[in-house]
Amino acid sequence: MHLSAVFVLTVILFGQMSKIQGYCDSKLENNLFKDLLNMMLKLKGSGSCHSGHGGKDVPAFSASLTTTKSVTSNNNVLFDKVWANIGNGYDASSGIFTAPKSGVYQFSCTIMRYENNIRVHLWKNEIKTVAIWPSSAKDHAPGTLNIVLQLKKSDKVFIRNAQNQQIYSESGSHFSMFSGFMISN
């Protein structure tokens, strides 16, 4: 439960308590409320409610393709529209995310194909992990991958194609994208 939700519930609870005759006097009620508020502020400052990040910037990125791209075999897919790059880990010129700090990260990628088969893999350093192979009788077919990886600082994660192919996207729709963020350290 978020700290703000706890605060709202606390205010509602104390409001209801004050309606009950003889429950407690206003001085005791105010002291209880102050103690609870101080406890919540200490929790917030300790980072206990922030997935272990202490409220600091969490490394995260999201990028997409603005147009259909022809990609040659065994090359990285360069997602050229960067939506977010907190911690500056993603490099659009290489298509590589470099972990700014060690931790557990969640990555996802969606690739849209159009009239051709596509196969791409998510790589961690020089190790192939999971793949997307959207194959369908229809003209357009998306494929998605999701993975959680333990990374050390400076580990590299990227999407690399397996064959010469076209990856479909449009300027206003951004069908093909790659993103990742730290979920714990």
N, C-alpha and C. Protein backbone atom coordinates (compact mmCIF):
# COMPACT_ATOMS: atom_id res chain seq x y z
N MET A 1 0.85 -1.17 0.00
CA MET A 1 0.00 0.00 0.00
C MET A 1 0.89 1.23 0.00
N HIS A 2 0.57 2.20 -0.81
CA HIS A 2 1.35 3.43 -0.91
C HIS A 2 1.19 4.24 0.36
N LEU A 3 2.20 5.00 0.66
CA LEU A 3 2.21 5.83 1.85
C LEU A 3 1.05 6.81 1.85
N SER A 4 0.72 7.39 0.69
CA SER A 4 -0.39 8.34 0.64
C SER A 4 -1.71 7.65 0.95
N ALA A 5 -1.89 6.40 0.53
CA ALA A 5 -3.11 5.67 0.82
C ALA A 5 -3.22 5.39 2.32
N VAL A 6 -2.09 5.05 2.95
CA VAL A 6 -2.09 4.83 4.39
C VAL A 6 -2.48 6.11 5.11
N PHE A 7 -1.96 7.24 4.65
CA PHE A 7 -2.28 8.52 5.26
C PHE A 7 -3.78 8.81 5.16
N VAL A 8 -4.35 8.62 3.98
CA VAL A 8 -5.79 8.88 3.78
C VAL A 8 -6.61 7.97 4.66
N LEU A 9 -6.27 6.68 4.71
CA LEU A 9 -7.00 5.75 5.57
C LEU A 9 -6.89 6.15 7.03
N THR A 10 -5.73 6.62 7.45
CA THR A 10 -5.52 7.05 8.83
C THR A 10 -6.41 8.25 9.16
N VAL A 11 -6.46 9.21 8.25
CA VAL A 11 -7.30 10.39 8.46
C VAL A 11 -8.76 9.98 8.58
N ILE A 12 -9.21 9.09 7.71
CA ILE A 12 -10.60 8.61 7.76
C ILE A 12 -10.87 7.89 9.08
N LEU A 13 -9.94 7.02 9.48
CA LEU A 13 -10.09 6.27 10.71
C LEU A 13 -10.20 7.20 11.91
N PHE A 14 -9.32 8.18 12.01
CA PHE A 14 -9.37 9.10 13.13
C PHE A 14 -10.63 9.94 13.09
N GLY A 15 -11.09 10.28 11.91
CA GLY A 15 -12.35 11.03 11.79
C GLY A 15 -13.52 10.21 12.32
N GLN A 16 -13.53 8.90 12.02
CA GLN A 16 -14.60 8.03 12.50
C GLN A 16 -14.48 7.81 14.01
N MET A 17 -13.24 7.71 14.50
CA MET A 17 -13.04 7.50 15.93
C MET A 17 -13.57 8.67 16.74
N SER A 18 -13.41 9.88 16.21
CA SER A 18 -13.85 11.04 16.96
C SER A 18 -15.37 11.12 17.06
N LYS A 19 -16.06 10.42 16.15
CA LYS A 19 -17.53 10.40 16.19
C LYS A 19 -18.05 9.47 17.27
N ILE A 20 -17.23 8.52 17.69
CA ILE A 20 -17.66 7.57 18.71
C ILE A 20 -17.47 8.23 20.07
N GLN A 21 -18.57 8.40 20.78
CA GLN A 21 -18.53 9.07 22.08
C GLN A 21 -17.70 8.27 23.08
N GLY A 22 -16.85 8.97 23.81
CA GLY A 22 -16.12 8.35 24.89
C GLY A 22 -14.95 7.50 24.43
N TYR A 23 -14.60 7.46 23.14
CA TYR A 23 -13.50 6.60 22.68
C TYR A 23 -12.16 7.11 23.22
N CYS A 24 -11.86 8.39 22.95
CA CYS A 24 -10.66 8.99 23.52
C CYS A 24 -10.79 10.50 23.45
N ASP A 25 -10.04 11.18 24.28
CA ASP A 25 -10.15 12.64 24.26
C ASP A 25 -9.35 13.21 23.09
N SER A 26 -9.60 14.46 22.77
CA SER A 26 -8.98 15.07 21.59
C SER A 26 -7.47 15.21 21.73
N LYS A 27 -6.98 15.43 22.96
CA LYS A 27 -5.53 15.56 23.15
C LYS A 27 -4.84 14.23 22.84
N LEU A 28 -5.38 13.12 23.35
CA LEU A 28 -4.81 11.81 23.08
C LEU A 28 -4.91 11.49 21.58
N GLU A 29 -6.05 11.81 20.98
CA GLU A 29 -6.25 11.57 19.55
C GLU A 29 -5.22 12.35 18.72
N ASN A 30 -4.98 13.61 19.06
CA ASN A 30 -4.00 14.41 18.34
C ASN A 30 -2.59 13.84 18.50
N ASN A 31 -2.26 13.40 19.72
CA ASN A 31 -0.94 12.81 19.96
C ASN A 31 -0.77 11.52 19.15
N LEU A 32 -1.81 10.69 19.11
CA LEU A 32 -1.74 9.46 18.31
C LEU A 32 -1.55 9.79 16.83
N PHE A 33 -2.28 10.78 16.38
CA PHE A 33 -2.17 11.18 14.97
C PHE A 33 -0.77 11.70 14.66
N LYS A 34 -0.21 12.53 15.54
CA LYS A 34 1.15 13.04 15.34
C LYS A 34 2.17 11.91 15.32
N ASP A 35 2.04 10.96 16.24
CA ASP A 35 2.96 9.82 16.27
C ASP A 35 2.87 9.01 14.98
N LEU A 36 1.67 8.76 14.51
CA LEU A 36 1.49 8.01 13.28
C LEU A 36 2.06 8.77 12.08
N LEU A 37 1.83 10.06 12.02
CA LEU A 37 2.36 10.88 10.94
C LEU A 37 3.89 10.87 10.96
N ASN A 38 4.50 11.01 12.13
CA ASN A 38 5.96 10.96 12.24
C ASN A 38 6.50 9.60 11.80
N MET A 39 5.80 8.53 12.18
CA MET A 39 6.23 7.20 11.77
C MET A 39 6.18 7.07 10.24
N MET A 40 5.13 7.58 9.62
CA MET A 40 5.02 7.51 8.15
C MET A 40 6.12 8.32 7.48
N LEU A 41 6.43 9.48 8.01
CA LEU A 41 7.49 10.29 7.43
C LEU A 41 8.85 9.60 7.56
N LYS A 42 9.09 8.92 8.68
CA LYS A 42 10.34 8.17 8.86
C LYS A 42 10.41 7.02 7.86
N LEU A 43 9.30 6.32 7.68
CA LEU A 43 9.26 5.24 6.69
C LEU A 43 9.59 5.74 5.30
N LYS A 44 8.97 6.85 4.94
CA LYS A 44 9.22 7.41 3.61
C LYS A 44 10.68 7.78 3.45
N GLY A 45 11.27 8.39 4.44
CA GLY A 45 12.68 8.79 4.37
C GLY A 45 13.64 7.62 4.39
N SER A 46 13.23 6.47 4.97
CA SER A 46 14.13 5.32 5.05
C SER A 46 14.19 4.54 3.76
N GLY A 47 13.23 4.78 2.86
CA GLY A 47 13.22 4.03 1.61
C GLY A 47 12.49 2.71 1.74
N SER A 48 11.87 2.42 2.87
CA SER A 48 11.22 1.14 3.06
C SER A 48 10.05 0.91 2.11
N CYS A 49 9.50 1.95 1.57
CA CYS A 49 8.35 1.81 0.68
C CYS A 49 8.73 2.04 -0.78
N HIS A 50 9.99 1.92 -1.11
CA HIS A 50 10.41 2.23 -2.48
C HIS A 50 11.19 1.09 -3.12
N SER A 51 10.77 -0.13 -2.94
CA SER A 51 11.38 -1.31 -3.57
C SER A 51 12.89 -1.35 -3.41
N GLY A 52 13.39 -0.86 -2.30
CA GLY A 52 14.82 -0.94 -2.04
C GLY A 52 15.64 0.13 -2.72
N HIS A 53 15.02 1.13 -3.33
CA HIS A 53 15.78 2.15 -4.05
C HIS A 53 15.99 3.41 -3.23
N GLY A 54 15.38 3.49 -2.05
CA GLY A 54 15.57 4.66 -1.21
C GLY A 54 15.01 5.93 -1.83
N GLY A 55 14.07 5.81 -2.78
CA GLY A 55 13.46 6.97 -3.39
C GLY A 55 14.33 7.64 -4.44
N LYS A 56 15.49 7.09 -4.73
CA LYS A 56 16.39 7.68 -5.72
C LYS A 56 15.92 7.30 -7.12
N ASP A 57 16.49 7.93 -8.13
CA ASP A 57 16.14 7.60 -9.50
C ASP A 57 16.44 6.15 -9.80
N VAL A 58 15.46 5.47 -10.33
CA VAL A 58 15.57 4.07 -10.71
C VAL A 58 15.98 4.02 -12.18
N PRO A 59 17.07 3.32 -12.53
CA PRO A 59 17.44 3.22 -13.94
C PRO A 59 16.28 2.63 -14.75
N ALA A 60 15.93 3.32 -15.84
CA ALA A 60 14.82 2.87 -16.68
C ALA A 60 14.95 3.50 -18.06
N PHE A 61 14.46 2.79 -19.07
CA PHE A 61 14.45 3.36 -20.41
C PHE A 61 13.30 2.77 -21.20
N SER A 62 12.90 3.50 -22.22
CA SER A 62 11.89 3.04 -23.17
C SER A 62 12.18 3.70 -24.50
N ALA A 63 12.25 2.88 -25.55
CA ALA A 63 12.57 3.39 -26.88
C ALA A 63 11.76 2.61 -27.92
N SER A 64 11.50 3.24 -29.05
CA SER A 64 10.73 2.58 -30.10
C SER A 64 11.30 2.92 -31.48
N LEU A 65 10.80 2.20 -32.48
CA LEU A 65 11.15 2.49 -33.87
C LEU A 65 10.14 3.48 -34.42
N THR A 66 10.61 4.48 -35.14
CA THR A 66 9.71 5.49 -35.71
C THR A 66 9.23 5.09 -37.10
N THR A 67 9.99 4.25 -37.80
CA THR A 67 9.61 3.80 -39.14
C THR A 67 10.03 2.34 -39.31
N THR A 68 9.55 1.73 -40.37
CA THR A 68 9.97 0.37 -40.70
C THR A 68 11.47 0.37 -40.99
N LYS A 69 12.18 -0.60 -40.43
CA LYS A 69 13.63 -0.67 -40.59
C LYS A 69 14.03 -2.01 -41.20
N SER A 70 14.96 -1.95 -42.14
CA SER A 70 15.61 -3.17 -42.64
C SER A 70 16.83 -3.39 -41.77
N VAL A 71 16.93 -4.59 -41.22
CA VAL A 71 18.02 -4.90 -40.32
C VAL A 71 18.74 -6.12 -40.86
N THR A 72 20.06 -6.03 -40.96
CA THR A 72 20.83 -7.15 -41.48
C THR A 72 21.14 -8.16 -40.37
N SER A 73 21.46 -9.35 -40.79
CA SER A 73 21.69 -10.47 -39.89
C SER A 73 22.76 -10.16 -38.85
N ASN A 74 22.46 -10.57 -37.60
CA ASN A 74 23.37 -10.45 -36.46
C ASN A 74 23.78 -9.02 -36.12
N ASN A 75 22.86 -8.08 -36.32
CA ASN A 75 23.08 -6.69 -35.91
C ASN A 75 22.04 -6.29 -34.88
N ASN A 76 22.40 -5.32 -34.06
CA ASN A 76 21.47 -4.83 -33.05
C ASN A 76 20.36 -4.02 -33.72
N VAL A 77 19.17 -4.11 -33.14
CA VAL A 77 18.06 -3.28 -33.57
C VAL A 77 18.24 -1.93 -32.87
N LEU A 78 18.23 -0.85 -33.66
CA LEU A 78 18.42 0.50 -33.12
C LEU A 78 17.07 1.18 -32.94
N PHE A 79 16.56 1.14 -31.74
CA PHE A 79 15.29 1.80 -31.43
C PHE A 79 15.60 3.29 -31.29
N ASP A 80 15.13 4.08 -32.25
CA ASP A 80 15.61 5.46 -32.40
C ASP A 80 14.82 6.53 -31.65
N LYS A 81 13.59 6.25 -31.25
CA LYS A 81 12.80 7.23 -30.50
C LYS A 81 12.91 6.88 -29.02
N VAL A 82 13.64 7.69 -28.26
CA VAL A 82 13.83 7.44 -26.83
C VAL A 82 12.76 8.21 -26.05
N TRP A 83 11.92 7.48 -25.37
CA TRP A 83 10.83 8.08 -24.59
C TRP A 83 11.31 8.45 -23.18
N ALA A 84 12.13 7.60 -22.61
CA ALA A 84 12.68 7.85 -21.27
C ALA A 84 14.05 7.20 -21.21
N ASN A 85 14.96 7.82 -20.47
CA ASN A 85 16.30 7.27 -20.31
C ASN A 85 16.86 7.72 -18.95
N ILE A 86 16.23 7.25 -17.90
CA ILE A 86 16.61 7.63 -16.55
C ILE A 86 17.89 6.86 -16.18
N GLY A 87 18.93 7.58 -15.87
CA GLY A 87 20.22 6.98 -15.58
C GLY A 87 21.11 6.89 -16.81
N ASN A 88 20.59 7.32 -17.97
CA ASN A 88 21.34 7.35 -19.23
C ASN A 88 21.96 6.02 -19.61
N GLY A 89 21.26 4.92 -19.36
CA GLY A 89 21.78 3.60 -19.68
C GLY A 89 21.57 3.18 -21.12
N TYR A 90 20.56 3.76 -21.80
CA TYR A 90 20.27 3.33 -23.18
C TYR A 90 20.96 4.25 -24.18
N ASP A 91 21.63 3.64 -25.17
CA ASP A 91 22.31 4.37 -26.23
C ASP A 91 21.60 4.06 -27.55
N ALA A 92 20.86 5.04 -28.09
CA ALA A 92 20.10 4.84 -29.32
C ALA A 92 20.99 4.58 -30.53
N SER A 93 22.23 5.06 -30.49
CA SER A 93 23.12 4.86 -31.64
C SER A 93 23.64 3.43 -31.74
N SER A 94 23.62 2.69 -30.63
CA SER A 94 24.07 1.29 -30.65
C SER A 94 22.94 0.30 -30.34
N GLY A 95 21.83 0.81 -29.77
CA GLY A 95 20.74 -0.06 -29.36
C GLY A 95 21.02 -0.82 -28.08
N ILE A 96 22.04 -0.40 -27.35
CA ILE A 96 22.49 -1.13 -26.15
C ILE A 96 22.11 -0.38 -24.88
N PHE A 97 21.55 -1.14 -23.92
CA PHE A 97 21.35 -0.64 -22.57
C PHE A 97 22.53 -1.14 -21.74
N THR A 98 23.23 -0.23 -21.08
CA THR A 98 24.33 -0.57 -20.18
C THR A 98 23.87 -0.26 -18.75
N ALA A 99 23.86 -1.28 -17.91
CA ALA A 99 23.36 -1.12 -16.54
C ALA A 99 24.20 -0.10 -15.78
N PRO A 100 23.59 1.00 -15.32
CA PRO A 100 24.34 1.99 -14.55
C PRO A 100 24.68 1.52 -13.13
N LYS A 101 23.94 0.50 -12.65
CA LYS A 101 24.23 -0.08 -11.34
C LYS A 101 23.75 -1.52 -11.31
N SER A 102 24.31 -2.29 -10.41
CA SER A 102 23.94 -3.69 -10.26
C SER A 102 22.54 -3.82 -9.69
N GLY A 103 21.82 -4.86 -10.12
CA GLY A 103 20.49 -5.12 -9.59
C GLY A 103 19.71 -6.07 -10.46
N VAL A 104 18.44 -6.20 -10.13
CA VAL A 104 17.52 -7.04 -10.88
C VAL A 104 16.71 -6.12 -11.79
N TYR A 105 16.65 -6.46 -13.08
CA TYR A 105 16.00 -5.63 -14.08
C TYR A 105 14.93 -6.42 -14.82
N GLN A 106 13.88 -5.73 -15.23
CA GLN A 106 12.82 -6.27 -16.07
C GLN A 106 12.98 -5.66 -17.46
N PHE A 107 12.98 -6.50 -18.51
CA PHE A 107 13.07 -6.03 -19.89
C PHE A 107 11.89 -6.57 -20.68
N SER A 108 11.45 -5.77 -21.64
CA SER A 108 10.42 -6.24 -22.56
C SER A 108 10.68 -5.64 -23.93
N CYS A 109 10.22 -6.36 -24.93
CA CYS A 109 10.38 -5.92 -26.31
C CYS A 109 9.19 -6.43 -27.11
N THR A 110 8.65 -5.58 -27.95
CA THR A 110 7.60 -5.97 -28.88
C THR A 110 8.08 -5.63 -30.28
N ILE A 111 7.97 -6.60 -31.16
CA ILE A 111 8.37 -6.44 -32.55
C ILE A 111 7.15 -6.73 -33.42
N MET A 112 6.92 -5.89 -34.41
CA MET A 112 5.82 -6.09 -35.37
C MET A 112 6.43 -6.53 -36.70
N ARG A 113 5.88 -7.58 -37.25
CA ARG A 113 6.31 -8.01 -38.58
C ARG A 113 5.24 -7.64 -39.60
N TYR A 114 5.66 -7.54 -40.85
CA TYR A 114 4.73 -7.29 -41.94
C TYR A 114 5.20 -8.07 -43.16
N GLU A 115 4.46 -9.08 -43.52
CA GLU A 115 4.70 -9.92 -44.71
C GLU A 115 6.07 -10.58 -44.71
N ASN A 116 6.68 -10.79 -43.60
CA ASN A 116 7.93 -11.54 -43.55
C ASN A 116 8.08 -12.14 -42.15
N ASN A 117 8.86 -13.19 -42.06
CA ASN A 117 9.15 -13.76 -40.75
C ASN A 117 10.26 -12.95 -40.09
N ILE A 118 10.16 -12.82 -38.80
CA ILE A 118 11.15 -12.08 -38.02
C ILE A 118 11.54 -12.94 -36.84
N ARG A 119 12.82 -12.92 -36.53
CA ARG A 119 13.28 -13.54 -35.29
C ARG A 119 14.35 -12.64 -34.70
N VAL A 120 14.12 -12.20 -33.47
CA VAL A 120 15.11 -11.42 -32.74
C VAL A 120 15.31 -12.05 -31.37
N HIS A 121 16.46 -11.80 -30.79
CA HIS A 121 16.78 -12.30 -29.45
C HIS A 121 17.18 -11.14 -28.55
N LEU A 122 16.91 -11.29 -27.28
CA LEU A 122 17.44 -10.38 -26.28
C LEU A 122 18.75 -10.99 -25.79
N TRP A 123 19.80 -10.19 -25.83
CA TRP A 123 21.13 -10.62 -25.43
C TRP A 123 21.53 -9.94 -24.14
N LYS A 124 22.21 -10.68 -23.29
CA LYS A 124 22.87 -10.12 -22.09
C LYS A 124 24.35 -10.32 -22.33
N ASN A 125 25.06 -9.21 -22.47
CA ASN A 125 26.46 -9.25 -22.87
C ASN A 125 26.54 -10.04 -24.18
N GLU A 126 27.24 -11.13 -24.25
CA GLU A 126 27.28 -11.91 -25.50
C GLU A 126 26.58 -13.25 -25.35
N ILE A 127 25.55 -13.27 -24.48
CA ILE A 127 24.77 -14.49 -24.26
C ILE A 127 23.34 -14.26 -24.75
N LYS A 128 22.91 -15.10 -25.68
CA LYS A 128 21.54 -15.05 -26.21
C LYS A 128 20.60 -15.58 -25.13
N THR A 129 19.51 -14.83 -24.87
CA THR A 129 18.56 -15.28 -23.85
C THR A 129 17.25 -15.71 -24.54
N VAL A 130 16.22 -14.90 -24.49
CA VAL A 130 14.92 -15.25 -25.04
C VAL A 130 14.72 -14.63 -26.42
N ALA A 131 13.73 -15.16 -27.16
CA ALA A 131 13.52 -14.72 -28.54
C ALA A 131 12.07 -14.33 -28.79
N ILE A 132 11.89 -13.61 -29.89
CA ILE A 132 10.57 -13.31 -30.44
C ILE A 132 10.57 -13.86 -31.87
N TRP A 133 9.51 -14.56 -32.23
CA TRP A 133 9.36 -15.05 -33.59
C TRP A 133 7.89 -14.96 -33.97
N PRO A 134 7.42 -13.74 -34.26
CA PRO A 134 6.01 -13.60 -34.63
C PRO A 134 5.77 -14.15 -36.03
N SER A 135 5.08 -15.24 -36.09
CA SER A 135 4.79 -15.88 -37.37
C SER A 135 3.30 -16.08 -37.45
N SER A 136 2.71 -15.61 -38.54
CA SER A 136 1.26 -15.66 -38.66
C SER A 136 0.87 -15.62 -40.13
N ALA A 137 -0.31 -16.07 -40.41
CA ALA A 137 -0.82 -16.00 -41.78
C ALA A 137 -1.27 -14.59 -42.13
N LYS A 138 -1.45 -13.75 -41.13
CA LYS A 138 -1.89 -12.38 -41.37
C LYS A 138 -0.71 -11.51 -41.79
N ASP A 139 -1.04 -10.35 -42.37
CA ASP A 139 0.01 -9.43 -42.82
C ASP A 139 0.82 -8.87 -41.66
N HIS A 140 0.14 -8.41 -40.62
CA HIS A 140 0.82 -7.83 -39.46
C HIS A 140 0.72 -8.81 -38.30
N ALA A 141 1.82 -9.00 -37.61
CA ALA A 141 1.81 -9.88 -36.44
C ALA A 141 2.84 -9.37 -35.44
N PRO A 142 2.41 -9.08 -34.22
CA PRO A 142 3.37 -8.67 -33.19
C PRO A 142 3.87 -9.88 -32.41
N GLY A 143 5.02 -9.72 -31.82
CA GLY A 143 5.56 -10.70 -30.89
C GLY A 143 6.18 -9.95 -29.73
N THR A 144 6.10 -10.52 -28.54
CA THR A 144 6.59 -9.83 -27.35
C THR A 144 7.42 -10.78 -26.51
N LEU A 145 8.45 -10.24 -25.90
CA LEU A 145 9.23 -10.99 -24.92
C LEU A 145 9.30 -10.20 -23.64
N ASN A 146 9.40 -10.90 -22.54
CA ASN A 146 9.59 -10.31 -21.21
C ASN A 146 10.55 -11.19 -20.45
N ILE A 147 11.47 -10.57 -19.73
CA ILE A 147 12.44 -11.34 -18.96
C ILE A 147 12.95 -10.50 -17.79
N VAL A 148 13.26 -11.16 -16.70
CA VAL A 148 13.89 -10.54 -15.55
C VAL A 148 15.32 -11.07 -15.50
N LEU A 149 16.29 -10.16 -15.40
CA LEU A 149 17.70 -10.53 -15.39
C LEU A 149 18.43 -9.89 -14.22
N GLN A 150 19.35 -10.64 -13.65
CA GLN A 150 20.27 -10.11 -12.64
C GLN A 150 21.44 -9.51 -13.41
N LEU A 151 21.70 -8.21 -13.24
CA LEU A 151 22.78 -7.53 -13.94
C LEU A 151 23.80 -6.98 -12.97
N LYS A 152 25.03 -6.98 -13.41
CA LYS A 152 26.10 -6.28 -12.70
C LYS A 152 26.28 -4.94 -13.38
N LYS A 153 26.82 -3.99 -12.66
CA LYS A 153 27.10 -2.68 -13.25
C LYS A 153 27.92 -2.89 -14.52
N SER A 154 27.54 -2.20 -15.59
CA SER A 154 28.18 -2.23 -16.91
C SER A 154 27.79 -3.43 -17.78
N ASP A 155 26.93 -4.36 -17.28
CA ASP A 155 26.41 -5.41 -18.17
C ASP A 155 25.62 -4.74 -19.28
N LYS A 156 25.60 -5.37 -20.45
CA LYS A 156 24.93 -4.81 -21.61
C LYS A 156 23.77 -5.71 -22.04
N VAL A 157 22.63 -5.08 -22.37
CA VAL A 157 21.45 -5.79 -22.83
C VAL A 157 20.98 -5.13 -24.11
N PHE A 158 20.64 -5.94 -25.12
CA PHE A 158 20.24 -5.40 -26.42
C PHE A 158 19.42 -6.42 -27.18
N ILE A 159 18.77 -5.94 -28.22
CA ILE A 159 17.98 -6.79 -29.12
C ILE A 159 18.79 -6.94 -30.41
N ARG A 160 19.02 -8.20 -30.80
CA ARG A 160 19.79 -8.48 -32.01
C ARG A 160 18.96 -9.40 -32.90
N ASN A 161 18.93 -9.07 -34.20
CA ASN A 161 18.16 -9.90 -35.12
C ASN A 161 18.95 -11.14 -35.53
N ALA A 162 18.22 -12.16 -35.98
CA ALA A 162 18.83 -13.44 -36.34
C ALA A 162 19.02 -13.59 -37.85
N GLN A 163 18.37 -12.75 -38.64
CA GLN A 163 18.45 -12.86 -40.10
C GLN A 163 18.14 -11.52 -40.73
N ASN A 164 18.41 -11.39 -42.03
CA ASN A 164 18.03 -10.15 -42.74
C ASN A 164 16.51 -10.06 -42.71
N GLN A 165 16.01 -8.92 -42.31
CA GLN A 165 14.55 -8.79 -42.16
C GLN A 165 14.14 -7.33 -42.05
N GLN A 166 12.83 -7.13 -42.11
CA GLN A 166 12.27 -5.80 -41.88
C GLN A 166 11.43 -5.84 -40.62
N ILE A 167 11.62 -4.83 -39.79
CA ILE A 167 10.81 -4.68 -38.58
C ILE A 167 9.87 -3.51 -38.82
N TYR A 168 8.58 -3.76 -38.64
CA TYR A 168 7.57 -2.79 -38.99
C TYR A 168 7.30 -1.82 -37.84
N SER A 169 7.13 -0.55 -38.22
CA SER A 169 6.69 0.47 -37.28
C SER A 169 6.19 1.67 -38.06
N GLU A 170 5.51 2.56 -37.40
CA GLU A 170 5.01 3.80 -38.00
C GLU A 170 5.30 4.95 -37.05
N SER A 171 5.48 6.11 -37.63
CA SER A 171 5.83 7.29 -36.85
C SER A 171 4.81 7.60 -35.75
N GLY A 172 3.54 7.51 -36.04
CA GLY A 172 2.54 7.87 -35.05
C GLY A 172 2.12 6.73 -34.15
N SER A 173 2.57 5.50 -34.43
CA SER A 173 2.09 4.35 -33.67
C SER A 173 3.17 3.61 -32.89
N HIS A 174 4.40 3.60 -33.37
CA HIS A 174 5.51 2.99 -32.64
C HIS A 174 5.20 1.56 -32.21
N PHE A 175 4.89 0.70 -33.19
CA PHE A 175 4.51 -0.68 -32.91
C PHE A 175 5.65 -1.51 -32.30
N SER A 176 6.88 -1.18 -32.65
CA SER A 176 8.02 -1.97 -32.18
C SER A 176 8.80 -1.17 -31.15
N MET A 177 8.99 -1.77 -29.96
CA MET A 177 9.66 -1.04 -28.89
C MET A 177 10.44 -1.95 -27.95
N PHE A 178 11.33 -1.33 -27.18
CA PHE A 178 12.22 -2.02 -26.25
C PHE A 178 12.29 -1.17 -24.99
N SER A 179 12.14 -1.81 -23.82
CA SER A 179 12.21 -1.06 -22.57
C SER A 179 12.74 -1.93 -21.44
N GLY A 180 13.19 -1.28 -20.40
CA GLY A 180 13.69 -1.98 -19.23
C GLY A 180 13.81 -1.05 -18.04
N PHE A 181 13.78 -1.66 -16.85
CA PHE A 181 13.93 -0.85 -15.64
C PHE A 181 14.39 -1.75 -14.48
N MET A 182 15.05 -1.14 -13.53
CA MET A 182 15.51 -1.86 -12.34
C MET A 182 14.33 -2.09 -11.40
N ILE A 183 14.19 -3.33 -10.92
CA ILE A 183 13.10 -3.61 -9.99
C ILE A 183 13.61 -3.79 -8.55
N SER A 184 14.88 -4.10 -8.39
CA SER A 184 15.48 -4.12 -7.04
C SER A 184 17.00 -4.16 -7.17
N ASN A 185 17.66 -3.78 -6.10
CA ASN A 185 19.13 -3.82 -6.15
C ASN A 185 19.65 -4.87 -5.21
